[in-house]
Amino acid sequence: MQKFSTKDSENYRSNYIAAVIINNIKKLQCGLSDTQIEALIPIIRNSIYTAHVNMRVNPYATFEYFDKFVPPDWLDCESLKL
């Protein structure tokens, strides 16, 4: 198993999560052009990375602190087929 520094690990996880999101957006064929999807990739990837970094640099924050960023009407997550 390869060891990553904290930053590398956050980057790796962020890129993987972004790839899953983008692949599922592409599967939806929701009318976005390839150009629009390409523009979304860095926004999604960097947003996920920012969340990972914020959770690391603020280790004393509670889940209630982070929970305030999630809209109250969002449903619980469910696993998608990869």
PDB file of N, CA and C in Angstrom:
ATOM      1  N   MET A   1       0.843  -1.179   0.000  1.00  0.00           N
ATOM      2  CA  MET A   1       0.000   0.000   0.000  1.00  0.00           C
ATOM      3  C   MET A   1       0.890   1.244   0.000  1.00  0.00           C
ATOM      4  N   GLN A   2       0.627   2.135  -0.919  1.00  0.00           N
ATOM      5  CA  GLN A   2       1.438   3.340  -1.032  1.00  0.00           C
ATOM      6  C   GLN A   2       0.998   4.362   0.011  1.00  0.00           C
ATOM      7  N   LYS A   3       1.968   4.989   0.659  1.00  0.00           N
ATOM      8  CA  LYS A   3       1.649   6.019   1.638  1.00  0.00           C
ATOM      9  C   LYS A   3       1.670   7.379   0.955  1.00  0.00           C
ATOM     10  N   PHE A   4       0.713   8.203   1.314  1.00  0.00           N
ATOM     11  CA  PHE A   4       0.629   9.559   0.794  1.00  0.00           C
ATOM     12  C   PHE A   4       0.754  10.532   1.952  1.00  0.00           C
ATOM     13  N   SER A   5       1.267  11.706   1.674  1.00  0.00           N
ATOM     14  CA  SER A   5       1.222  12.748   2.691  1.00  0.00           C
ATOM     15  C   SER A   5      -0.239  13.158   2.838  1.00  0.00           C
ATOM     16  N   THR A   6      -0.537  13.928   3.881  1.00  0.00           N
ATOM     17  CA  THR A   6      -1.923  14.361   4.091  1.00  0.00           C
ATOM     18  C   THR A   6      -2.441  15.100   2.876  1.00  0.00           C
ATOM     19  N   LYS A   7      -1.632  15.993   2.335  1.00  0.00           N
ATOM     20  CA  LYS A   7      -2.073  16.761   1.161  1.00  0.00           C
ATOM     21  C   LYS A   7      -2.280  15.835  -0.026  1.00  0.00           C
ATOM     22  N   ASP A   8      -1.359  14.896  -0.256  1.00  0.00           N
ATOM     23  CA  ASP A   8      -1.511  13.968  -1.370  1.00  0.00           C
ATOM     24  C   ASP A   8      -2.764  13.126  -1.204  1.00  0.00           C
ATOM     25  N   SER A   9      -3.009  12.687   0.021  1.00  0.00           N
ATOM     26  CA  SER A   9      -4.175  11.864   0.296  1.00  0.00           C
ATOM     27  C   SER A   9      -5.457  12.647   0.039  1.00  0.00           C
ATOM     28  N   GLU A  10      -5.506  13.886   0.480  1.00  0.00           N
ATOM     29  CA  GLU A  10      -6.675  14.730   0.235  1.00  0.00           C
ATOM     30  C   GLU A  10      -6.848  14.968  -1.260  1.00  0.00           C
ATOM     31  N   ASN A  11      -5.759  15.193  -1.956  1.00  0.00           N
ATOM     32  CA  ASN A  11      -5.813  15.410  -3.394  1.00  0.00           C
ATOM     33  C   ASN A  11      -6.302  14.155  -4.107  1.00  0.00           C
ATOM     34  N   TYR A  12      -5.763  13.010  -3.729  1.00  0.00           N
ATOM     35  CA  TYR A  12      -6.156  11.741  -4.340  1.00  0.00           C
ATOM     36  C   TYR A  12      -7.641  11.469  -4.115  1.00  0.00           C
ATOM     37  N   ARG A  13      -8.093  11.601  -2.867  1.00  0.00           N
ATOM     38  CA  ARG A  13      -9.512  11.360  -2.571  1.00  0.00           C
ATOM     39  C   ARG A  13     -10.398  12.360  -3.311  1.00  0.00           C
ATOM     40  N   SER A  14      -9.984  13.610  -3.360  1.00  0.00           N
ATOM     41  CA  SER A  14     -10.776  14.638  -4.042  1.00  0.00           C
ATOM     42  C   SER A  14     -10.910  14.336  -5.525  1.00  0.00           C
ATOM     43  N   ASN A  15      -9.808  13.942  -6.149  1.00  0.00           N
ATOM     44  CA  ASN A  15      -9.860  13.605  -7.574  1.00  0.00           C
ATOM     45  C   ASN A  15     -10.738  12.388  -7.830  1.00  0.00           C
ATOM     46  N   TYR A  16     -10.653  11.386  -6.958  1.00  0.00           N
ATOM     47  CA  TYR A  16     -11.484  10.196  -7.128  1.00  0.00           C
ATOM     48  C   TYR A  16     -12.967  10.546  -6.988  1.00  0.00           C
ATOM     49  N   ILE A  17     -13.315  11.306  -5.949  1.00  0.00           N
ATOM     50  CA  ILE A  17     -14.716  11.687  -5.748  1.00  0.00           C
ATOM     51  C   ILE A  17     -15.209  12.525  -6.915  1.00  0.00           C
ATOM     52  N   ALA A  18     -14.392  13.458  -7.384  1.00  0.00           N
ATOM     53  CA  ALA A  18     -14.776  14.287  -8.533  1.00  0.00           C
ATOM     54  C   ALA A  18     -15.000  13.421  -9.770  1.00  0.00           C
ATOM     55  N   ALA A  19     -14.154  12.415  -9.976  1.00  0.00           N
ATOM     56  CA  ALA A  19     -14.312  11.531 -11.133  1.00  0.00           C
ATOM     57  C   ALA A  19     -15.631  10.769 -11.060  1.00  0.00           C
ATOM     58  N   VAL A  20     -15.994  10.296  -9.871  1.00  0.00           N
ATOM     59  CA  VAL A  20     -17.270   9.585  -9.712  1.00  0.00           C
ATOM     60  C   VAL A  20     -18.433  10.523 -10.021  1.00  0.00           C
ATOM     61  N   ILE A  21     -18.350  11.756  -9.527  1.00  0.00           N
ATOM     62  CA  ILE A  21     -19.417  12.733  -9.782  1.00  0.00           C
ATOM     63  C   ILE A  21     -19.529  13.024 -11.268  1.00  0.00           C
ATOM     64  N   ILE A  22     -18.422  13.341 -11.913  1.00  0.00           N
ATOM     65  CA  ILE A  22     -18.445  13.681 -13.339  1.00  0.00           C
ATOM     66  C   ILE A  22     -18.927  12.499 -14.176  1.00  0.00           C
ATOM     67  N   ASN A  23     -18.456  11.292 -13.867  1.00  0.00           N
ATOM     68  CA  ASN A  23     -18.909  10.117 -14.625  1.00  0.00           C
ATOM     69  C   ASN A  23     -20.411   9.923 -14.501  1.00  0.00           C
ATOM     70  N   ASN A  24     -20.970  10.180 -13.332  1.00  0.00           N
ATOM     71  CA  ASN A  24     -22.413  10.036 -13.157  1.00  0.00           C
ATOM     72  C   ASN A  24     -23.176  11.164 -13.839  1.00  0.00           C
ATOM     73  N   ILE A  25     -22.605  12.360 -13.874  1.00  0.00           N
ATOM     74  CA  ILE A  25     -23.227  13.452 -14.632  1.00  0.00           C
ATOM     75  C   ILE A  25     -23.259  13.092 -16.115  1.00  0.00           C
ATOM     76  N   LYS A  26     -22.169  12.538 -16.619  1.00  0.00           N
ATOM     77  CA  LYS A  26     -22.108  12.148 -18.032  1.00  0.00           C
ATOM     78  C   LYS A  26     -23.133  11.055 -18.341  1.00  0.00           C
ATOM     79  N   LYS A  27     -23.328  10.111 -17.402  1.00  0.00           N
ATOM     80  CA  LYS A  27     -24.311   9.043 -17.603  1.00  0.00           C
ATOM     81  C   LYS A  27     -25.728   9.599 -17.705  1.00  0.00           C
ATOM     82  N   LEU A  28     -25.989  10.680 -16.988  1.00  0.00           N
ATOM     83  CA  LEU A  28     -27.324  11.271 -17.012  1.00  0.00           C
ATOM     84  C   LEU A  28     -27.679  11.859 -18.368  1.00  0.00           C
ATOM     85  N   GLN A  29     -26.679  12.250 -19.097  1.00  0.00           N
ATOM     86  CA  GLN A  29     -26.882  12.924 -20.380  1.00  0.00           C
ATOM     87  C   GLN A  29     -27.907  14.040 -20.214  1.00  0.00           C
ATOM     88  N   CYS A  30     -27.620  14.918 -19.264  1.00  0.00           N
ATOM     89  CA  CYS A  30     -28.579  15.948 -18.869  1.00  0.00           C
ATOM     90  C   CYS A  30     -28.532  17.198 -19.745  1.00  0.00           C
ATOM     91  N   GLY A  31     -28.028  17.069 -20.920  1.00  0.00           N
ATOM     92  CA  GLY A  31     -28.040  18.188 -21.842  1.00  0.00           C
ATOM     93  C   GLY A  31     -26.831  19.102 -21.742  1.00  0.00           C
ATOM     94  N   LEU A  32     -25.864  18.748 -20.913  1.00  0.00           N
ATOM     95  CA  LEU A  32     -24.654  19.547 -20.838  1.00  0.00           C
ATOM     96  C   LEU A  32     -23.721  19.164 -21.979  1.00  0.00           C
ATOM     97  N   SER A  33     -23.124  20.155 -22.576  1.00  0.00           N
ATOM     98  CA  SER A  33     -22.156  19.891 -23.636  1.00  0.00           C
ATOM     99  C   SER A  33     -20.847  19.418 -23.015  1.00  0.00           C
ATOM    100  N   ASP A  34     -19.991  18.835 -23.845  1.00  0.00           N
ATOM    101  CA  ASP A  34     -18.673  18.416 -23.365  1.00  0.00           C
ATOM    102  C   ASP A  34     -17.896  19.608 -22.805  1.00  0.00           C
ATOM    103  N   THR A  35     -18.043  20.760 -23.436  1.00  0.00           N
ATOM    104  CA  THR A  35     -17.364  21.972 -22.976  1.00  0.00           C
ATOM    105  C   THR A  35     -17.862  22.379 -21.592  1.00  0.00           C
ATOM    106  N   GLN A  36     -19.175  22.283 -21.368  1.00  0.00           N
ATOM    107  CA  GLN A  36     -19.733  22.632 -20.067  1.00  0.00           C
ATOM    108  C   GLN A  36     -19.268  21.642 -18.985  1.00  0.00           C
ATOM    109  N   ILE A  37     -19.235  20.366 -19.332  1.00  0.00           N
ATOM    110  CA  ILE A  37     -18.774  19.356 -18.382  1.00  0.00           C
ATOM    111  C   ILE A  37     -17.302  19.593 -18.053  1.00  0.00           C
ATOM    112  N   GLU A  38     -16.497  19.884 -19.064  1.00  0.00           N
ATOM    113  CA  GLU A  38     -15.075  20.159 -18.832  1.00  0.00           C
ATOM    114  C   GLU A  38     -14.890  21.377 -17.921  1.00  0.00           C
ATOM    115  N   ALA A  39     -15.784  22.367 -18.046  1.00  0.00           N
ATOM    116  CA  ALA A  39     -15.700  23.544 -17.183  1.00  0.00           C
ATOM    117  C   ALA A  39     -16.087  23.197 -15.743  1.00  0.00           C
ATOM    118  N   LEU A  40     -16.962  22.211 -15.573  1.00  0.00           N
ATOM    119  CA  LEU A  40     -17.387  21.799 -14.228  1.00  0.00           C
ATOM    120  C   LEU A  40     -16.315  21.003 -13.482  1.00  0.00           C
ATOM    121  N   ILE A  41     -15.490  20.280 -14.209  1.00  0.00           N
ATOM    122  CA  ILE A  41     -14.526  19.371 -13.575  1.00  0.00           C
ATOM    123  C   ILE A  41     -13.645  20.084 -12.541  1.00  0.00           C
ATOM    124  N   PRO A  42     -12.946  21.175 -12.882  1.00  0.00           N
ATOM    125  CA  PRO A  42     -12.103  21.810 -11.855  1.00  0.00           C
ATOM    126  C   PRO A  42     -12.923  22.423 -10.719  1.00  0.00           C
ATOM    127  N   ILE A  43     -14.135  22.886 -10.999  1.00  0.00           N
ATOM    128  CA  ILE A  43     -14.977  23.461  -9.951  1.00  0.00           C
ATOM    129  C   ILE A  43     -15.354  22.381  -8.941  1.00  0.00           C
ATOM    130  N   ILE A  44     -15.780  21.229  -9.436  1.00  0.00           N
ATOM    131  CA  ILE A  44     -16.158  20.119  -8.557  1.00  0.00           C
ATOM    132  C   ILE A  44     -14.940  19.601  -7.805  1.00  0.00           C
ATOM    133  N   ARG A  45     -13.858  19.347  -8.528  1.00  0.00           N
ATOM    134  CA  ARG A  45     -12.646  18.801  -7.914  1.00  0.00           C
ATOM    135  C   ARG A  45     -12.096  19.733  -6.831  1.00  0.00           C
ATOM    136  N   ASN A  46     -12.003  21.018  -7.125  1.00  0.00           N
ATOM    137  CA  ASN A  46     -11.458  21.971  -6.162  1.00  0.00           C
ATOM    138  C   ASN A  46     -12.399  22.200  -4.985  1.00  0.00           C
ATOM    139  N   SER A  47     -13.696  22.093  -5.208  1.00  0.00           N
ATOM    140  CA  SER A  47     -14.662  22.221  -4.117  1.00  0.00           C
ATOM    141  C   SER A  47     -14.529  21.060  -3.138  1.00  0.00           C
ATOM    142  N   ILE A  48     -14.378  19.861  -3.663  1.00  0.00           N
ATOM    143  CA  ILE A  48     -14.203  18.680  -2.815  1.00  0.00           C
ATOM    144  C   ILE A  48     -12.894  18.790  -2.045  1.00  0.00           C
ATOM    145  N   TYR A  49     -11.840  19.192  -2.719  1.00  0.00           N
ATOM    146  CA  TYR A  49     -10.535  19.350  -2.068  1.00  0.00           C
ATOM    147  C   TYR A  49     -10.611  20.399  -0.958  1.00  0.00           C
ATOM    148  N   THR A  50     -11.295  21.504  -1.223  1.00  0.00           N
ATOM    149  CA  THR A  50     -11.457  22.555  -0.217  1.00  0.00           C
ATOM    150  C   THR A  50     -12.173  22.016   1.018  1.00  0.00           C
ATOM    151  N   ALA A  51     -13.200  21.211   0.814  1.00  0.00           N
ATOM    152  CA  ALA A  51     -13.921  20.620   1.947  1.00  0.00           C
ATOM    153  C   ALA A  51     -12.996  19.707   2.757  1.00  0.00           C
ATOM    154  N   HIS A  52     -12.196  18.880   2.063  1.00  0.00           N
ATOM    155  CA  HIS A  52     -11.245  18.012   2.771  1.00  0.00           C
ATOM    156  C   HIS A  52     -10.255  18.828   3.586  1.00  0.00           C
ATOM    157  N   VAL A  53      -9.705  19.867   2.995  1.00  0.00           N
ATOM    158  CA  VAL A  53      -8.720  20.700   3.687  1.00  0.00           C
ATOM    159  C   VAL A  53      -9.372  21.397   4.876  1.00  0.00           C
ATOM    160  N   ASN A  54     -10.575  21.930   4.696  1.00  0.00           N
ATOM    161  CA  ASN A  54     -11.254  22.614   5.794  1.00  0.00           C
ATOM    162  C   ASN A  54     -11.511  21.665   6.967  1.00  0.00           C
ATOM    163  N   MET A  55     -11.836  20.421   6.669  1.00  0.00           N
ATOM    164  CA  MET A  55     -12.072  19.461   7.745  1.00  0.00           C
ATOM    165  C   MET A  55     -10.765  19.115   8.464  1.00  0.00           C
ATOM    166  N   ARG A  56      -9.640  19.164   7.747  1.00  0.00           N
ATOM    167  CA  ARG A  56      -8.353  18.873   8.374  1.00  0.00           C
ATOM    168  C   ARG A  56      -7.852  20.051   9.201  1.00  0.00           C
ATOM    169  N   VAL A  57      -7.933  21.254   8.657  1.00  0.00           N
ATOM    170  CA  VAL A  57      -7.369  22.411   9.349  1.00  0.00           C
ATOM    171  C   VAL A  57      -8.254  22.873  10.502  1.00  0.00           C
ATOM    172  N   ASN A  58      -9.451  22.387  10.570  1.00  0.00           N
ATOM    173  CA  ASN A  58     -10.359  22.736  11.655  1.00  0.00           C
ATOM    174  C   ASN A  58     -10.779  21.452  12.374  1.00  0.00           C
ATOM    175  N   PRO A  59      -9.812  20.707  12.946  1.00  0.00           N
ATOM    176  CA  PRO A  59     -10.122  19.390  13.500  1.00  0.00           C
ATOM    177  C   PRO A  59     -11.023  19.429  14.723  1.00  0.00           C
ATOM    178  N   TYR A  60     -11.141  20.577  15.347  1.00  0.00           N
ATOM    179  CA  TYR A  60     -11.970  20.664  16.546  1.00  0.00           C
ATOM    180  C   TYR A  60     -13.416  21.017  16.228  1.00  0.00           C
ATOM    181  N   ALA A  61     -13.686  21.289  14.978  1.00  0.00           N
ATOM    182  CA  ALA A  61     -15.063  21.576  14.582  1.00  0.00           C
ATOM    183  C   ALA A  61     -15.884  20.301  14.689  1.00  0.00           C
ATOM    184  N   THR A  62     -17.104  20.467  15.077  1.00  0.00           N
ATOM    185  CA  THR A  62     -17.992  19.320  15.210  1.00  0.00           C
ATOM    186  C   THR A  62     -18.728  19.092  13.899  1.00  0.00           C
ATOM    187  N   PHE A  63     -19.376  17.946  13.804  1.00  0.00           N
ATOM    188  CA  PHE A  63     -20.180  17.697  12.613  1.00  0.00           C
ATOM    189  C   PHE A  63     -21.290  18.741  12.492  1.00  0.00           C
ATOM    190  N   GLU A  64     -21.757  19.247  13.620  1.00  0.00           N
ATOM    191  CA  GLU A  64     -22.784  20.285  13.576  1.00  0.00           C
ATOM    192  C   GLU A  64     -22.264  21.537  12.863  1.00  0.00           C
ATOM    193  N   TYR A  65     -20.967  21.828  13.045  1.00  0.00           N
ATOM    194  CA  TYR A  65     -20.365  22.972  12.354  1.00  0.00           C
ATOM    195  C   TYR A  65     -20.407  22.764  10.848  1.00  0.00           C
ATOM    196  N   PHE A  66     -19.970  21.587  10.395  1.00  0.00           N
ATOM    197  CA  PHE A  66     -19.948  21.321   8.955  1.00  0.00           C
ATOM    198  C   PHE A  66     -21.350  21.131   8.402  1.00  0.00           C
ATOM    199  N   ASP A  67     -22.260  20.644   9.232  1.00  0.00           N
ATOM    200  CA  ASP A  67     -23.632  20.383   8.812  1.00  0.00           C
ATOM    201  C   ASP A  67     -24.346  21.656   8.358  1.00  0.00           C
ATOM    202  N   LYS A  68     -23.936  22.798   8.880  1.00  0.00           N
ATOM    203  CA  LYS A  68     -24.616  24.046   8.512  1.00  0.00           C
ATOM    204  C   LYS A  68     -24.396  24.417   7.038  1.00  0.00           C
ATOM    205  N   PHE A  69     -23.417  23.778   6.384  1.00  0.00           N
ATOM    206  CA  PHE A  69     -23.161  24.057   4.975  1.00  0.00           C
ATOM    207  C   PHE A  69     -24.024  23.206   4.040  1.00  0.00           C
ATOM    208  N   VAL A  70     -24.689  22.199   4.598  1.00  0.00           N
ATOM    209  CA  VAL A  70     -25.518  21.290   3.795  1.00  0.00           C
ATOM    210  C   VAL A  70     -26.964  21.769   3.872  1.00  0.00           C
ATOM    211  N   PRO A  71     -27.607  22.021   2.720  1.00  0.00           N
ATOM    212  CA  PRO A  71     -29.004  22.464   2.741  1.00  0.00           C
ATOM    213  C   PRO A  71     -29.889  21.461   3.498  1.00  0.00           C
ATOM    214  N   PRO A  72     -30.819  21.939   4.297  1.00  0.00           N
ATOM    215  CA  PRO A  72     -31.627  21.055   5.131  1.00  0.00           C
ATOM    216  C   PRO A  72     -32.540  20.115   4.348  1.00  0.00           C
ATOM    217  N   ASP A  73     -32.841  20.453   3.110  1.00  0.00           N
ATOM    218  CA  ASP A  73     -33.754  19.604   2.340  1.00  0.00           C
ATOM    219  C   ASP A  73     -33.033  18.506   1.551  1.00  0.00           C
ATOM    220  N   TRP A  74     -31.712  18.398   1.691  1.00  0.00           N
ATOM    221  CA  TRP A  74     -30.978  17.333   1.005  1.00  0.00           C
ATOM    222  C   TRP A  74     -31.291  15.991   1.647  1.00  0.00           C
ATOM    223  N   LEU A  75     -31.464  14.987   0.821  1.00  0.00           N
ATOM    224  CA  LEU A  75     -31.709  13.633   1.300  1.00  0.00           C
ATOM    225  C   LEU A  75     -30.393  12.977   1.715  1.00  0.00           C
ATOM    226  N   ASP A  76     -30.486  11.882   2.455  1.00  0.00           N
ATOM    227  CA  ASP A  76     -29.280  11.123   2.794  1.00  0.00           C
ATOM    228  C   ASP A  76     -28.656  10.571   1.515  1.00  0.00           C
ATOM    229  N   CYS A  77     -27.365  10.355   1.556  1.00  0.00           N
ATOM    230  CA  CYS A  77     -26.638   9.826   0.412  1.00  0.00           C
ATOM    231  C   CYS A  77     -26.964   8.359   0.197  1.00  0.00           C
ATOM    232  N   GLU A  78     -26.817   7.917  -1.039  1.00  0.00           N
ATOM    233  CA  GLU A  78     -26.933   6.491  -1.361  1.00  0.00           C
ATOM    234  C   GLU A  78     -25.852   6.137  -2.345  1.00  0.00           C
ATOM    235  N   SER A  79     -25.406   4.901  -2.295  1.00  0.00           N
ATOM    236  CA  SER A  79     -24.322   4.456  -3.160  1.00  0.00           C
ATOM    237  C   SER A  79     -24.834   4.193  -4.572  1.00  0.00           C
ATOM    238  N   LEU A  80     -24.085   4.643  -5.554  1.00  0.00           N
ATOM    239  CA  LEU A  80     -24.417   4.408  -6.958  1.00  0.00           C
ATOM    240  C   LEU A  80     -23.554   3.271  -7.479  1.00  0.00           C
ATOM    241  N   LYS A  81     -24.021   2.618  -8.519  1.00  0.00           N
ATOM    242  CA  LYS A  81     -23.196   1.578  -9.145  1.00  0.00           C
ATOM    243  C   LYS A  81     -22.105   2.240  -9.941  1.00  0.00           C
ATOM    244  N   LEU A  82     -20.876   1.762  -9.760  1.00  0.00           N
ATOM    245  CA  LEU A  82     -19.744   2.336 -10.492  1.00  0.00           C
ATOM    246  C   LEU A  82     -19.541   1.616 -11.800  1.00  0.00           C
TER     247      LEU A  82
END
